[in-house]
Amino acid sequence: NPIVDGFGLIAMIALAPIIFVMLLGVYIRFIGGRN
């Protein structure tokens, strides 16, 4: 389904930075310290 798969890809692209930036925030909070 071009509509579902095409626009679904954009939804996943929008989700990707949210997860990865927040994972970076988790790393900074518990492992990376405040440097």
PDB file of all heavy atoms in Angstrom:
ATOM      1  N   ASN A   1       0.858  -1.184   0.000  1.00  0.00           N
ATOM      2  CA  ASN A   1       0.000   0.000   0.000  1.00  0.00           C
ATOM      3  C   ASN A   1       0.894   1.234   0.000  1.00  0.00           C
ATOM      4  O   ASN A   1       1.491   1.557   1.026  1.00  0.00           O
ATOM      5  CB  ASN A   1      -0.918  -0.004   1.222  1.00  0.00           C
ATOM      6  CG  ASN A   1      -1.950   1.106   1.177  1.00  0.00           C
ATOM      7  OD1 ASN A   1      -1.735   2.155   0.586  1.00  0.00           O
ATOM      8  ND2 ASN A   1      -3.103   0.868   1.790  1.00  0.00           N
ATOM      9  N   PRO A   2       1.015   1.917  -1.150  1.00  0.00           N
ATOM     10  CA  PRO A   2       1.939   3.061  -1.223  1.00  0.00           C
ATOM     11  C   PRO A   2       1.646   4.144  -0.197  1.00  0.00           C
ATOM     12  O   PRO A   2       2.564   4.780   0.327  1.00  0.00           O
ATOM     13  CB  PRO A   2       1.730   3.582  -2.652  1.00  0.00           C
ATOM     14  CG  PRO A   2       1.212   2.413  -3.417  1.00  0.00           C
ATOM     15  CD  PRO A   2       0.386   1.637  -2.439  1.00  0.00           C
ATOM     16  N   ILE A   3       0.372   4.374   0.111  1.00  0.00           N
ATOM     17  CA  ILE A   3       0.026   5.429   1.070  1.00  0.00           C
ATOM     18  C   ILE A   3       0.470   5.052   2.467  1.00  0.00           C
ATOM     19  O   ILE A   3       1.133   5.819   3.167  1.00  0.00           O
ATOM     20  CB  ILE A   3      -1.488   5.711   1.041  1.00  0.00           C
ATOM     21  CG1 ILE A   3      -1.890   6.284  -0.321  1.00  0.00           C
ATOM     22  CG2 ILE A   3      -1.874   6.674   2.163  1.00  0.00           C
ATOM     23  CD1 ILE A   3      -3.366   6.549  -0.466  1.00  0.00           C
ATOM     24  N   VAL A   4       0.139   3.846   2.896  1.00  0.00           N
ATOM     25  CA  VAL A   4       0.496   3.398   4.249  1.00  0.00           C
ATOM     26  C   VAL A   4       2.004   3.288   4.396  1.00  0.00           C
ATOM     27  O   VAL A   4       2.590   3.782   5.361  1.00  0.00           O
ATOM     28  CB  VAL A   4      -0.174   2.045   4.565  1.00  0.00           C
ATOM     29  CG1 VAL A   4       0.342   1.499   5.901  1.00  0.00           C
ATOM     30  CG2 VAL A   4      -1.685   2.202   4.615  1.00  0.00           C
ATOM     31  N   ASP A   5       2.655   2.661   3.424  1.00  0.00           N
ATOM     32  CA  ASP A   5       4.096   2.432   3.523  1.00  0.00           C
ATOM     33  C   ASP A   5       4.894   3.716   3.319  1.00  0.00           C
ATOM     34  O   ASP A   5       5.917   3.928   3.973  1.00  0.00           O
ATOM     35  CB  ASP A   5       4.530   1.379   2.495  1.00  0.00           C
ATOM     36  CG  ASP A   5       3.928   0.010   2.788  1.00  0.00           C
ATOM     37  OD1 ASP A   5       3.819  -0.322   3.982  1.00  0.00           O
ATOM     38  OD2 ASP A   5       3.556  -0.694   1.848  1.00  0.00           O
ATOM     39  N   GLY A   6       4.430   4.587   2.428  1.00  0.00           N
ATOM     40  CA  GLY A   6       5.138   5.834   2.183  1.00  0.00           C
ATOM     41  C   GLY A   6       5.072   6.780   3.362  1.00  0.00           C
ATOM     42  O   GLY A   6       6.091   7.239   3.881  1.00  0.00           O
ATOM     43  N   PHE A   7       3.856   7.057   3.828  1.00  0.00           N
ATOM     44  CA  PHE A   7       3.717   7.971   4.948  1.00  0.00           C
ATOM     45  C   PHE A   7       4.114   7.304   6.260  1.00  0.00           C
ATOM     46  O   PHE A   7       4.511   7.982   7.208  1.00  0.00           O
ATOM     47  CB  PHE A   7       2.280   8.493   5.018  1.00  0.00           C
ATOM     48  CG  PHE A   7       1.967   9.477   3.934  1.00  0.00           C
ATOM     49  CD1 PHE A   7       1.364   9.072   2.756  1.00  0.00           C
ATOM     50  CD2 PHE A   7       2.311  10.810   4.073  1.00  0.00           C
ATOM     51  CE1 PHE A   7       1.096   9.967   1.741  1.00  0.00           C
ATOM     52  CE2 PHE A   7       2.043  11.724   3.062  1.00  0.00           C
ATOM     53  CZ  PHE A   7       1.437  11.297   1.895  1.00  0.00           C
ATOM     54  N   GLY A   8       4.021   5.988   6.326  1.00  0.00           N
ATOM     55  CA  GLY A   8       4.499   5.289   7.517  1.00  0.00           C
ATOM     56  C   GLY A   8       5.997   5.444   7.704  1.00  0.00           C
ATOM     57  O   GLY A   8       6.495   5.534   8.831  1.00  0.00           O
ATOM     58  N   LEU A   9       6.730   5.521   6.587  1.00  0.00           N
ATOM     59  CA  LEU A   9       8.176   5.732   6.664  1.00  0.00           C
ATOM     60  C   LEU A   9       8.490   7.083   7.288  1.00  0.00           C
ATOM     61  O   LEU A   9       9.398   7.200   8.121  1.00  0.00           O
ATOM     62  CB  LEU A   9       8.789   5.640   5.264  1.00  0.00           C
ATOM     63  CG  LEU A   9      10.283   5.987   5.164  1.00  0.00           C
ATOM     64  CD1 LEU A   9      11.110   4.974   5.946  1.00  0.00           C
ATOM     65  CD2 LEU A   9      10.738   6.037   3.720  1.00  0.00           C
ATOM     66  N   ILE A  10       7.734   8.118   6.929  1.00  0.00           N
ATOM     67  CA  ILE A  10       7.963   9.440   7.495  1.00  0.00           C
ATOM     68  C   ILE A  10       7.676   9.438   8.991  1.00  0.00           C
ATOM     69  O   ILE A  10       8.382  10.082   9.774  1.00  0.00           O
ATOM     70  CB  ILE A  10       7.094  10.494   6.778  1.00  0.00           C
ATOM     71  CG1 ILE A  10       7.434  10.522   5.289  1.00  0.00           C
ATOM     72  CG2 ILE A  10       7.298  11.870   7.386  1.00  0.00           C
ATOM     73  CD1 ILE A  10       8.891  10.759   4.990  1.00  0.00           C
ATOM     74  N   ALA A  11       6.649   8.702   9.413  1.00  0.00           N
ATOM     75  CA  ALA A  11       6.361   8.593  10.844  1.00  0.00           C
ATOM     76  C   ALA A  11       7.517   7.933  11.587  1.00  0.00           C
ATOM     77  O   ALA A  11       7.866   8.339  12.705  1.00  0.00           O
ATOM     78  CB  ALA A  11       5.077   7.792  11.061  1.00  0.00           C
ATOM     79  N   MET A  12       8.135   6.950  10.969  1.00  0.00           N
ATOM     80  CA  MET A  12       9.268   6.275  11.592  1.00  0.00           C
ATOM     81  C   MET A  12      10.502   7.164  11.607  1.00  0.00           C
ATOM     82  O   MET A  12      11.285   7.139  12.571  1.00  0.00           O
ATOM     83  CB  MET A  12       9.550   4.957  10.870  1.00  0.00           C
ATOM     84  CG  MET A  12       8.429   3.937  11.025  1.00  0.00           C
ATOM     85  SD  MET A  12       8.729   2.405  10.134  1.00  0.00           S
ATOM     86  CE  MET A  12      10.117   1.751  11.032  1.00  0.00           C
ATOM     87  N   ILE A  13      10.686   7.963  10.551  1.00  0.00           N
ATOM     88  CA  ILE A  13      11.806   8.897  10.538  1.00  0.00           C
ATOM     89  C   ILE A  13      11.634   9.943  11.631  1.00  0.00           C
ATOM     90  O   ILE A  13      12.603  10.361  12.273  1.00  0.00           O
ATOM     91  CB  ILE A  13      11.928   9.565   9.150  1.00  0.00           C
ATOM     92  CG1 ILE A  13      12.361   8.531   8.103  1.00  0.00           C
ATOM     93  CG2 ILE A  13      12.919  10.726   9.177  1.00  0.00           C
ATOM     94  CD1 ILE A  13      12.397   9.065   6.685  1.00  0.00           C
ATOM     95  N   ALA A  14      10.397  10.374  11.868  1.00  0.00           N
ATOM     96  CA  ALA A  14      10.137  11.340  12.937  1.00  0.00           C
ATOM     97  C   ALA A  14      10.377  10.724  14.315  1.00  0.00           C
ATOM     98  O   ALA A  14      10.773  11.423  15.257  1.00  0.00           O
ATOM     99  CB  ALA A  14       8.705  11.856  12.833  1.00  0.00           C
ATOM    100  N   LEU A  15      10.138   9.430  14.441  1.00  0.00           N
ATOM    101  CA  LEU A  15      10.334   8.748  15.723  1.00  0.00           C
ATOM    102  C   LEU A  15      11.804   8.496  16.024  1.00  0.00           C
ATOM    103  O   LEU A  15      12.226   8.536  17.196  1.00  0.00           O
ATOM    104  CB  LEU A  15       9.564   7.417  15.712  1.00  0.00           C
ATOM    105  CG  LEU A  15       9.715   6.497  16.926  1.00  0.00           C
ATOM    106  CD1 LEU A  15       9.210   7.191  18.191  1.00  0.00           C
ATOM    107  CD2 LEU A  15       8.967   5.188  16.688  1.00  0.00           C
ATOM    108  N   ALA A  16      12.597   8.271  14.992  1.00  0.00           N
ATOM    109  CA  ALA A  16      14.002   7.894  15.176  1.00  0.00           C
ATOM    110  C   ALA A  16      14.810   8.894  15.989  1.00  0.00           C
ATOM    111  O   ALA A  16      15.473   8.509  16.971  1.00  0.00           O
ATOM    112  CB  ALA A  16      14.659   7.663  13.805  1.00  0.00           C
ATOM    113  N   PRO A  17      14.808  10.193  15.661  1.00  0.00           N
ATOM    114  CA  PRO A  17      15.595  11.138  16.461  1.00  0.00           C
ATOM    115  C   PRO A  17      15.127  11.236  17.905  1.00  0.00           C
ATOM    116  O   PRO A  17      15.939  11.451  18.810  1.00  0.00           O
ATOM    117  CB  PRO A  17      15.388  12.473  15.728  1.00  0.00           C
ATOM    118  CG  PRO A  17      14.946  12.106  14.364  1.00  0.00           C
ATOM    119  CD  PRO A  17      14.161  10.864  14.522  1.00  0.00           C
ATOM    120  N   ILE A  18      13.808  11.087  18.115  1.00  0.00           N
ATOM    121  CA  ILE A  18      13.288  11.160  19.480  1.00  0.00           C
ATOM    122  C   ILE A  18      13.925  10.082  20.338  1.00  0.00           C
ATOM    123  O   ILE A  18      14.421  10.347  21.442  1.00  0.00           O
ATOM    124  CB  ILE A  18      11.752  11.019  19.483  1.00  0.00           C
ATOM    125  CG1 ILE A  18      11.113  12.162  18.691  1.00  0.00           C
ATOM    126  CG2 ILE A  18      11.214  10.999  20.911  1.00  0.00           C
ATOM    127  CD1 ILE A  18       9.607  12.036  18.534  1.00  0.00           C
ATOM    128  N   ILE A  19      13.937   8.852  19.833  1.00  0.00           N
ATOM    129  CA  ILE A  19      14.485   7.734  20.600  1.00  0.00           C
ATOM    130  C   ILE A  19      15.995   7.881  20.781  1.00  0.00           C
ATOM    131  O   ILE A  19      16.522   7.749  21.895  1.00  0.00           O
ATOM    132  CB  ILE A  19      14.145   6.398  19.912  1.00  0.00           C
ATOM    133  CG1 ILE A  19      12.642   6.113  20.018  1.00  0.00           C
ATOM    134  CG2 ILE A  19      14.950   5.248  20.527  1.00  0.00           C
ATOM    135  CD1 ILE A  19      12.203   4.836  19.356  1.00  0.00           C
ATOM    136  N   PHE A  20      16.685   8.200  19.717  1.00  0.00           N
ATOM    137  CA  PHE A  20      18.155   8.229  19.804  1.00  0.00           C
ATOM    138  C   PHE A  20      18.660   9.404  20.636  1.00  0.00           C
ATOM    139  O   PHE A  20      19.629   9.264  21.386  1.00  0.00           O
ATOM    140  CB  PHE A  20      18.756   8.258  18.395  1.00  0.00           C
ATOM    141  CG  PHE A  20      18.979   6.888  17.826  1.00  0.00           C
ATOM    142  CD1 PHE A  20      17.904   6.076  17.506  1.00  0.00           C
ATOM    143  CD2 PHE A  20      20.254   6.397  17.620  1.00  0.00           C
ATOM    144  CE1 PHE A  20      18.097   4.807  16.984  1.00  0.00           C
ATOM    145  CE2 PHE A  20      20.463   5.126  17.111  1.00  0.00           C
ATOM    146  CZ  PHE A  20      19.381   4.326  16.793  1.00  0.00           C
ATOM    147  N   VAL A  21      18.026  10.565  20.535  1.00  0.00           N
ATOM    148  CA  VAL A  21      18.447  11.706  21.347  1.00  0.00           C
ATOM    149  C   VAL A  21      18.133  11.445  22.815  1.00  0.00           C
ATOM    150  O   VAL A  21      18.919  11.788  23.702  1.00  0.00           O
ATOM    151  CB  VAL A  21      17.768  13.004  20.858  1.00  0.00           C
ATOM    152  CG1 VAL A  21      18.054  14.157  21.812  1.00  0.00           C
ATOM    153  CG2 VAL A  21      18.273  13.361  19.464  1.00  0.00           C
ATOM    154  N   MET A  22      17.003  10.813  23.094  1.00  0.00           N
ATOM    155  CA  MET A  22      16.667  10.499  24.485  1.00  0.00           C
ATOM    156  C   MET A  22      17.586   9.413  25.046  1.00  0.00           C
ATOM    157  O   MET A  22      17.932   9.440  26.231  1.00  0.00           O
ATOM    158  CB  MET A  22      15.198  10.094  24.595  1.00  0.00           C
ATOM    159  CG  MET A  22      14.249  11.251  24.330  1.00  0.00           C
ATOM    160  SD  MET A  22      12.503  10.818  24.475  1.00  0.00           S
ATOM    161  CE  MET A  22      12.349  10.688  26.248  1.00  0.00           C
ATOM    162  N   LEU A  23      17.991   8.479  24.209  1.00  0.00           N
ATOM    163  CA  LEU A  23      18.978   7.489  24.659  1.00  0.00           C
ATOM    164  C   LEU A  23      20.299   8.172  24.994  1.00  0.00           C
ATOM    165  O   LEU A  23      20.973   7.803  25.968  1.00  0.00           O
ATOM    166  CB  LEU A  23      19.189   6.424  23.578  1.00  0.00           C
ATOM    167  CG  LEU A  23      18.070   5.392  23.412  1.00  0.00           C
ATOM    168  CD1 LEU A  23      18.355   4.498  22.203  1.00  0.00           C
ATOM    169  CD2 LEU A  23      17.932   4.529  24.670  1.00  0.00           C
ATOM    170  N   LEU A  24      20.658   9.172  24.199  1.00  0.00           N
ATOM    171  CA  LEU A  24      21.851   9.958  24.510  1.00  0.00           C
ATOM    172  C   LEU A  24      21.672  10.677  25.838  1.00  0.00           C
ATOM    173  O   LEU A  24      22.604  10.750  26.649  1.00  0.00           O
ATOM    174  CB  LEU A  24      22.112  10.964  23.388  1.00  0.00           C
ATOM    175  CG  LEU A  24      23.312  11.905  23.566  1.00  0.00           C
ATOM    176  CD1 LEU A  24      24.621  11.111  23.651  1.00  0.00           C
ATOM    177  CD2 LEU A  24      23.366  12.924  22.433  1.00  0.00           C
ATOM    178  N   GLY A  25      20.459  11.192  26.089  1.00  0.00           N
ATOM    179  CA  GLY A  25      20.178  11.847  27.362  1.00  0.00           C
ATOM    180  C   GLY A  25      20.256  10.897  28.537  1.00  0.00           C
ATOM    181  O   GLY A  25      20.721  11.272  29.628  1.00  0.00           O
ATOM    182  N   VAL A  26      19.828   9.658  28.345  1.00  0.00           N
ATOM    183  CA  VAL A  26      19.942   8.639  29.406  1.00  0.00           C
ATOM    184  C   VAL A  26      21.410   8.339  29.685  1.00  0.00           C
ATOM    185  O   VAL A  26      21.835   8.223  30.848  1.00  0.00           O
ATOM    186  CB  VAL A  26      19.189   7.352  28.996  1.00  0.00           C
ATOM    187  CG1 VAL A  26      19.464   6.230  30.003  1.00  0.00           C
ATOM    188  CG2 VAL A  26      17.697   7.624  28.904  1.00  0.00           C
ATOM    189  N   TYR A  27      22.181   8.228  28.621  1.00  0.00           N
ATOM    190  CA  TYR A  27      23.620   7.968  28.784  1.00  0.00           C
ATOM    191  C   TYR A  27      24.295   9.105  29.556  1.00  0.00           C
ATOM    192  O   TYR A  27      25.088   8.862  30.468  1.00  0.00           O
ATOM    193  CB  TYR A  27      24.270   7.807  27.411  1.00  0.00           C
ATOM    194  CG  TYR A  27      25.782   7.738  27.465  1.00  0.00           C
ATOM    195  CD1 TYR A  27      26.422   6.550  27.784  1.00  0.00           C
ATOM    196  CD2 TYR A  27      26.561   8.873  27.212  1.00  0.00           C
ATOM    197  CE1 TYR A  27      27.812   6.479  27.849  1.00  0.00           C
ATOM    198  CE2 TYR A  27      27.942   8.814  27.273  1.00  0.00           C
ATOM    199  CZ  TYR A  27      28.557   7.616  27.594  1.00  0.00           C
ATOM    200  OH  TYR A  27      29.924   7.563  27.671  1.00  0.00           O
ATOM    201  N   ILE A  28      23.971  10.339  29.194  1.00  0.00           N
ATOM    202  CA  ILE A  28      24.583  11.492  29.864  1.00  0.00           C
ATOM    203  C   ILE A  28      24.196  11.529  31.332  1.00  0.00           C
ATOM    204  O   ILE A  28      25.010  11.834  32.204  1.00  0.00           O
ATOM    205  CB  ILE A  28      24.161  12.798  29.162  1.00  0.00           C
ATOM    206  CG1 ILE A  28      24.666  12.816  27.725  1.00  0.00           C
ATOM    207  CG2 ILE A  28      24.677  14.016  29.923  1.00  0.00           C
ATOM    208  CD1 ILE A  28      26.153  12.641  27.592  1.00  0.00           C
ATOM    209  N   ARG A  29      22.952  11.193  31.610  1.00  0.00           N
ATOM    210  CA  ARG A  29      22.460  11.289  32.988  1.00  0.00           C
ATOM    211  C   ARG A  29      23.091  10.250  33.899  1.00  0.00           C
ATOM    212  O   ARG A  29      23.453  10.546  35.045  1.00  0.00           O
ATOM    213  CB  ARG A  29      20.934  11.136  32.996  1.00  0.00           C
ATOM    214  CG  ARG A  29      20.323  11.255  34.392  1.00  0.00           C
ATOM    215  CD  ARG A  29      18.824  11.135  34.330  1.00  0.00           C
ATOM    216  NE  ARG A  29      18.246  11.234  35.664  1.00  0.00           N
ATOM    217  CZ  ARG A  29      16.943  11.113  35.912  1.00  0.00           C
ATOM    218  NH1 ARG A  29      16.089  10.900  34.919  1.00  0.00           N
ATOM    219  NH2 ARG A  29      16.495  11.208  37.152  1.00  0.00           N
ATOM    220  N   PHE A  30      23.253   9.022  33.419  1.00  0.00           N
ATOM    221  CA  PHE A  30      23.688   7.945  34.301  1.00  0.00           C
ATOM    222  C   PHE A  30      25.137   7.521  34.103  1.00  0.00           C
ATOM    223  O   PHE A  30      25.724   6.910  34.986  1.00  0.00           O
ATOM    224  CB  PHE A  30      22.775   6.712  34.097  1.00  0.00           C
ATOM    225  CG  PHE A  30      21.370   6.943  34.577  1.00  0.00           C
ATOM    226  CD1 PHE A  30      20.367   7.232  33.679  1.00  0.00           C
ATOM    227  CD2 PHE A  30      21.060   6.897  35.931  1.00  0.00           C
ATOM    228  CE1 PHE A  30      19.066   7.441  34.113  1.00  0.00           C
ATOM    229  CE2 PHE A  30      19.768   7.106  36.374  1.00  0.00           C
ATOM    230  CZ  PHE A  30      18.767   7.379  35.459  1.00  0.00           C
ATOM    231  N   ILE A  31      25.704   7.801  32.919  1.00  0.00           N
ATOM    232  CA  ILE A  31      27.054   7.298  32.634  1.00  0.00           C
ATOM    233  C   ILE A  31      28.018   8.426  32.313  1.00  0.00           C
ATOM    234  O   ILE A  31      29.118   8.486  32.831  1.00  0.00           O
ATOM    235  CB  ILE A  31      27.025   6.280  31.468  1.00  0.00           C
ATOM    236  CG1 ILE A  31      26.098   5.101  31.809  1.00  0.00           C
ATOM    237  CG2 ILE A  31      28.423   5.779  31.157  1.00  0.00           C
ATOM    238  CD1 ILE A  31      25.885   4.123  30.678  1.00  0.00           C
ATOM    239  N   GLY A  32      27.590   9.330  31.432  1.00  0.00           N
ATOM    240  CA  GLY A  32      28.501  10.331  30.918  1.00  0.00           C
ATOM    241  C   GLY A  32      28.832  11.452  31.879  1.00  0.00           C
ATOM    242  O   GLY A  32      29.762  12.208  31.650  1.00  0.00           O
ATOM    243  N   GLY A  33      28.022  11.617  32.946  1.00  0.00           N
ATOM    244  CA  GLY A  33      28.275  12.694  33.886  1.00  0.00           C
ATOM    245  C   GLY A  33      27.867  14.019  33.300  1.00  0.00           C
ATOM    246  O   GLY A  33      27.132  14.111  32.318  1.00  0.00           O
ATOM    247  N   ARG A  34      28.343  15.107  33.877  1.00  0.00           N
ATOM    248  CA  ARG A  34      27.982  16.455  33.442  1.00  0.00           C
ATOM    249  C   ARG A  34      29.108  17.161  32.688  1.00  0.00           C
ATOM    250  O   ARG A  34      29.138  18.359  32.554  1.00  0.00           O
ATOM    251  CB  ARG A  34      27.595  17.304  34.651  1.00  0.00           C
ATOM    252  CG  ARG A  34      26.447  16.739  35.466  1.00  0.00           C
ATOM    253  CD  ARG A  34      25.180  16.618  34.653  1.00  0.00           C
ATOM    254  NE  ARG A  34      24.706  17.917  34.181  1.00  0.00           N
ATOM    255  CZ  ARG A  34      23.607  18.068  33.476  1.00  0.00           C
ATOM    256  NH1 ARG A  34      22.874  17.024  33.121  1.00  0.00           N
ATOM    257  NH2 ARG A  34      23.230  19.285  33.117  1.00  0.00           N
ATOM    258  N   ASN A  35      30.057  16.384  32.163  1.00  0.00           N
ATOM    259  CA  ASN A  35      31.130  16.969  31.349  1.00  0.00           C
ATOM    260  C   ASN A  35      30.576  17.324  29.972  1.00  0.00           C
ATOM    261  O   ASN A  35      29.508  16.864  29.570  1.00  0.00           O
ATOM    262  CB  ASN A  35      32.304  16.002  31.199  1.00  0.00           C
ATOM    263  CG  ASN A  35      32.961  15.704  32.536  1.00  0.00           C
ATOM    264  OD1 ASN A  35      33.064  16.600  33.393  1.00  0.00           O
ATOM    265  ND2 ASN A  35      33.375  14.465  32.730  1.00  0.00           N
TER     266      ASN A  35
END
